[in-house]
Amino acid sequence: MHTSEKINLVPNMKLTNTSLKALATKKNSYWKWDESAGKNTGRLGVKVYPSGRRVFYFRYFRGGSAKMIFLGDFPEVSLSEARTNTKEYSLQVSRGECPKSILEEKLALKTARKKLEDEESKQGSIKQLFEHYTDKMKSSGKRTYREVLSSLEKEVYPNIQPDTKARDVTRAQIVRVLGLMIRRGALTQSNRVRSYLQAAFNAGLKHDNDPANMDSDILFGIERNPVSDIPRQASAEKALDRVLTEAELKSFIERIRHGEFATTTQFLCLLMIYSGGQRPYEIINSRWEHVDLNSQDWLIPASLSKNGKDHVIPITPELEKTLVTLKAITGHTPYLIPNRVKQSEPGRTDSLARSFVRYCTKYNVDKFTPRDIRRTCKTLMSRYNLSTKEVRDRLHNHALDDISNRHYNRHDYRPEKENLLLSWNEWILKL
């Protein structure tokens, strides 16, 4: 109500639950004031509306003007509650304070606190930061987003709680995460996790600084990337130039055929070799629906290939023999190389990598990775002059970005790729 509203001066009465219920409605609103009040301390009153509504108010005077505080509707607010509030406000008046001003200050403080809490709730956690970063990887077509997220969760969360605000993560915490990895001998992986962390925090900075995200439900509040000043371990990684010798490749193939690896891993390795070094990720994620044994074509669709273009691998007799045997084992699943636990999903590249590490340790072989099989195939094809560089590049589905190839050359090179693979398979069998 407006404090300037004229308040009819009516005799005071003792307000009780019974008297409140008995108050009659009239054509116009009217007031009843509680007779129990100290001098100059304010008074509890009730306003009765023509509709029958009864509303409690506390009235007091400040600087010669009446001030009113709404206490609530009766009976939703009981008489006892109204008296309790009246007692509190009366005490404030007796001390020379202004209850209405105090309420306004409390409301302002509550509003400010709520705003601060809302802003705090919008501050993204490190878990949300990692998910934001890997979601961006996924939408950009980066195939390793699952492995990146898994590595971050595995290495970071034991040391930094997932609900920690991204803005509160310190350089010292990151140093500890990476230091523990180095202590257990995972130098190479520590460099990779460092790169993932740096990229994740950069993604958070970019998100917050993008004007399009001004009203985003989540802002990370990162002022500076905490990873920037942490050095990489220069001694951890050598250049990616490992090529197996012919003797090493021969031993590797023989051991595969003698059951060195788990069954599907054996077939995966043979497919990598007989296909001339196709990318492990693309083989693992290949579906049986894209393998046509009748037309002798194995399609790596654009959605799967690294350069975003369809890639056909001609199926040679050795590949066919391998694929037919494999299909009897995994043909009931969507993938050539299914996940061992969830067969509706593809296998994992990190499992393949671990198999290679165990192999090298077991046979005291210089470390090599699944990617090195691809490099070995191409190197040996070049060394023995199997076909031309252009055909070898086509077989490996390298991106050829010169204007001629991009706009004018529509030849699919299938016959040339088939001849190269036939020569390569023949060479392998002679090892």
Foldseek 3Di string as FASTA:
>chain_A
DDLPDDADDDDEDADDPVVLQVDDADPAKHKHWHPDDDPQLWTWMWIAGNVRKIWIWTWGDDPRGIDIDTDGTPPVPPPVNSVVVSVVSSVCRVVVHHVVVVVVVVVVVVVVVVVVVQVVQQAAFVLVLLVLLLVVCVVVLNPCSVVLSVLCCVQQCVQPPRRHQLQPDALVSLCVSLVVCVVVPNQVVSLVNLVSLQSSVVSLVVLQPDPVCVVPSHHRPHPDRRSVPPDRDVPNDDPQDDADDLVRVLVVLVCLVVPLDPDLLSLLLQCCQLLLHEDSQQQQQFFPVQQDVVVQWRWSPLSRDPVSHIAIGGHDPSNSVSQVVLCVVLVVEGHSAADPVDRVHTHDQVVSQVSQVVVCVVVVHPRDGSNNSNVNSLVVCVVVVQDDPVLSCSSRVDDDPDPCVVPPDPDSCRVVSRSSSVVSVVVSVVD
